[in-house]
Amino acid sequence: MKMTSAVAAKELKKLNDQHDALTSMERKSSEFVAAIQEDIETVRPAYDYTAVQKELAETEQKIRKLKHAINTFNLNQVVPGFDMTIDQMLVYIPQLSAQKRKLEHMKDKLPRERIRSGFSNSNIIEYTYVNYDVQAASKDYETVADELAKAQNALDLVNSTVEFEV
């Protein structure tokens, strides 16, 4: 069956939710408490160990196959305009995001900023000076922000349009 990465991610979420529901049901149904005076059979929850194990194993196998297909696609599919595979882009985008956060902080600094002293009786006035060109940091911020948006859009386009075999 062919699907896009976006569809595969939704299918994977669905399978993981099914697995979690089965595991939760098993946890609640595999044991039960009954009072001595109760008829155990009337309070016993429905639970078929063999059927549940089989269904869990089938779901886990589907998850493994789907994840493998996604991983293989991510390793081999080059993102147009970036000369990188998807798995490389999945590293590149967080790197750009971190760089953008750093530059955002740097571009907003004043060249000289007074430090508030914790000592109220101190006559010493201290300043923090930036040791870089604030305008260069601002320009680099814009460049990185644009590159990040471009990278995210390119990856989104591939994930929503390029199909692979599962």
Protein backbone atom coordinates (compact mmCIF):
# COMPACT_ATOMS: atom_id res chain seq x y z
CA MET A 1 0.00 0.00 0.00
CA LYS A 2 1.29 3.49 -0.87
CA MET A 3 0.97 6.44 1.48
CA THR A 4 2.58 9.76 2.26
CA SER A 5 4.64 10.36 5.36
CA ALA A 6 1.85 12.51 6.81
CA VAL A 7 -0.69 9.70 6.36
CA ALA A 8 1.81 7.16 7.72
CA ALA A 9 2.33 9.29 10.85
CA LYS A 10 -1.42 9.38 11.45
CA GLU A 11 -1.65 5.62 10.93
CA LEU A 12 1.24 5.09 13.34
CA LYS A 13 -0.52 7.24 15.96
CA LYS A 14 -3.68 5.18 15.48
CA LEU A 15 -1.75 1.91 15.92
CA ASN A 16 0.00 3.20 19.03
CA ASP A 17 -3.35 4.29 20.47
CA GLN A 18 -4.77 0.81 19.78
CA HIS A 19 -1.77 -0.77 21.49
CA ASP A 20 -2.14 1.53 24.50
CA ALA A 21 -5.87 0.73 24.74
CA LEU A 22 -5.19 -3.01 24.60
CA THR A 23 -2.47 -2.73 27.23
CA SER A 24 -4.73 -0.67 29.47
CA MET A 25 -7.61 -3.12 29.06
CA GLU A 26 -5.26 -6.00 29.86
CA ARG A 27 -3.96 -4.25 32.98
CA LYS A 28 -7.53 -3.68 34.21
CA SER A 29 -8.90 -7.11 33.26
CA SER A 30 -6.08 -9.58 33.89
CA GLU A 31 -6.60 -9.43 37.66
CA PHE A 32 -9.60 -8.67 39.80
CA VAL A 33 -10.61 -8.53 43.42
CA ALA A 34 -13.61 -10.33 44.85
CA ALA A 35 -14.90 -10.59 48.37
CA ILE A 36 -15.04 -14.06 49.90
CA GLN A 37 -18.84 -14.06 49.94
CA GLU A 38 -19.10 -13.10 46.23
CA ASP A 39 -19.54 -15.55 43.41
CA ILE A 40 -16.21 -15.10 41.59
CA GLU A 41 -17.71 -15.86 38.17
CA THR A 42 -20.24 -13.03 38.41
CA VAL A 43 -17.54 -10.39 39.07
CA ARG A 44 -14.85 -11.82 36.75
CA PRO A 45 -14.08 -9.30 33.96
CA ALA A 46 -14.02 -10.53 30.38
CA TYR A 47 -10.40 -11.33 29.48
CA ASP A 48 -8.93 -13.83 27.04
CA TYR A 49 -5.20 -14.00 27.64
CA THR A 50 -4.39 -15.80 24.37
CA ALA A 51 -6.52 -13.48 22.22
CA VAL A 52 -5.10 -10.35 23.84
CA GLN A 53 -1.50 -11.54 23.41
CA LYS A 54 -2.19 -12.34 19.77
CA GLU A 55 -3.77 -8.95 19.13
CA LEU A 56 -0.90 -7.14 20.90
CA ALA A 57 1.67 -9.05 18.83
CA GLU A 58 -0.18 -8.27 15.58
CA THR A 59 -0.40 -4.58 16.46
CA GLU A 60 3.29 -4.47 17.42
CA GLN A 61 4.23 -6.11 14.12
CA LYS A 62 2.20 -3.51 12.19
CA ILE A 63 3.93 -0.73 14.17
CA ARG A 64 7.38 -2.19 13.39
CA LYS A 65 6.62 -2.51 9.67
CA LEU A 66 5.20 1.00 9.43
CA LYS A 67 8.07 2.56 11.39
CA HIS A 68 10.57 0.70 9.20
CA ALA A 69 8.88 1.99 6.04
CA ILE A 70 8.91 5.55 7.41
CA ASN A 71 12.55 5.26 8.47
CA THR A 72 13.58 3.83 5.11
CA PHE A 73 11.74 6.65 3.33
CA ASN A 74 13.38 9.24 5.61
CA LEU A 75 16.84 7.78 4.90
CA ASN A 76 16.41 7.79 1.12
CA GLN A 77 14.13 10.69 0.20
CA VAL A 78 16.01 13.88 -0.64
CA VAL A 79 14.23 17.14 0.17
CA PRO A 80 14.22 19.37 -2.92
CA GLY A 81 16.25 22.55 -2.53
CA PHE A 82 18.31 21.27 0.38
CA ASP A 83 20.41 18.36 -0.92
CA MET A 84 19.58 16.54 2.33
CA THR A 85 17.53 13.47 3.10
CA ILE A 86 14.55 13.75 5.42
CA ASP A 87 16.50 12.19 8.30
CA GLN A 88 19.16 14.89 7.87
CA MET A 89 16.45 17.56 7.76
CA LEU A 90 15.05 16.19 11.03
CA VAL A 91 18.42 17.09 12.58
CA TYR A 92 18.90 20.34 10.63
CA ILE A 93 15.57 21.90 11.61
CA PRO A 94 16.15 21.63 15.40
CA GLN A 95 19.67 23.02 14.84
CA LEU A 96 18.20 26.00 13.00
CA SER A 97 15.58 26.45 15.73
CA ALA A 98 18.28 26.53 18.43
CA GLN A 99 20.35 28.98 16.40
CA LYS A 100 17.30 31.18 15.86
CA ARG A 101 16.55 31.25 19.64
CA LYS A 102 20.18 32.19 20.40
CA LEU A 103 20.28 34.92 17.77
CA GLU A 104 16.91 36.27 18.89
CA HIS A 105 18.39 36.83 22.35
CA MET A 106 21.58 38.35 20.91
CA LYS A 107 19.87 40.72 18.44
CA ASP A 108 17.74 42.24 21.19
CA LYS A 109 20.68 43.23 23.40
CA LEU A 110 21.74 46.83 23.88
CA PRO A 111 25.38 47.57 23.11
CA ARG A 112 25.79 48.67 26.74
CA GLU A 113 23.39 47.79 29.53
CA ARG A 114 23.52 48.83 33.17
CA ILE A 115 23.60 46.02 35.71
CA ARG A 116 21.43 46.44 38.75
CA SER A 117 23.50 45.87 41.83
CA GLY A 118 22.12 43.75 44.63
CA PHE A 119 23.78 46.04 47.15
CA SER A 120 21.77 49.16 47.85
CA ASN A 121 24.70 51.05 49.43
CA SER A 122 27.16 50.38 46.59
CA ASN A 123 28.52 53.36 44.67
CA ILE A 124 29.88 51.18 41.88
CA ILE A 125 27.94 51.26 38.63
CA GLU A 126 28.58 48.31 36.35
CA TYR A 127 27.66 47.79 32.72
CA THR A 128 27.45 44.76 30.49
CA TYR A 129 28.89 45.31 27.03
CA VAL A 130 28.16 43.14 24.03
CA ASN A 131 31.27 41.75 22.41
CA TYR A 132 29.76 41.42 18.92
CA ASP A 133 27.99 43.43 16.26
CA VAL A 134 24.30 43.57 17.24
CA GLN A 135 23.31 44.49 13.67
CA ALA A 136 25.17 41.43 12.34
CA ALA A 137 23.33 39.25 14.87
CA SER A 138 20.04 40.81 13.76
CA LYS A 139 20.85 40.17 10.10
CA ASP A 140 21.88 36.58 10.88
CA TYR A 141 18.65 36.11 12.82
CA GLU A 142 16.61 37.09 9.75
CA THR A 143 18.66 34.74 7.54
CA VAL A 144 18.24 31.81 9.94
CA ALA A 145 14.51 32.51 10.44
CA ASP A 146 14.01 32.50 6.66
CA GLU A 147 16.05 29.31 6.23
CA LEU A 148 14.06 27.61 9.00
CA ALA A 149 10.73 28.54 7.41
CA LYS A 150 11.98 27.37 4.01
CA ALA A 151 13.22 24.06 5.47
CA GLN A 152 9.96 23.43 7.35
CA ASN A 153 7.88 24.19 4.26
CA ALA A 154 10.03 21.96 2.03
CA LEU A 155 9.78 19.09 4.52
CA ASP A 156 6.02 19.57 4.91
CA LEU A 157 5.63 19.48 1.13
CA VAL A 158 7.54 16.19 0.82
CA ASN A 159 5.70 14.66 3.77
CA SER A 160 2.31 15.54 2.31
CA THR A 161 2.90 14.75 -1.36
CA VAL A 162 5.55 12.05 -1.89
CA GLU A 163 4.24 8.51 -1.46
CA PHE A 164 6.17 5.41 -0.47
CA GLU A 165 5.36 1.73 -0.18
CA VAL A 166 4.33 0.33 3.19
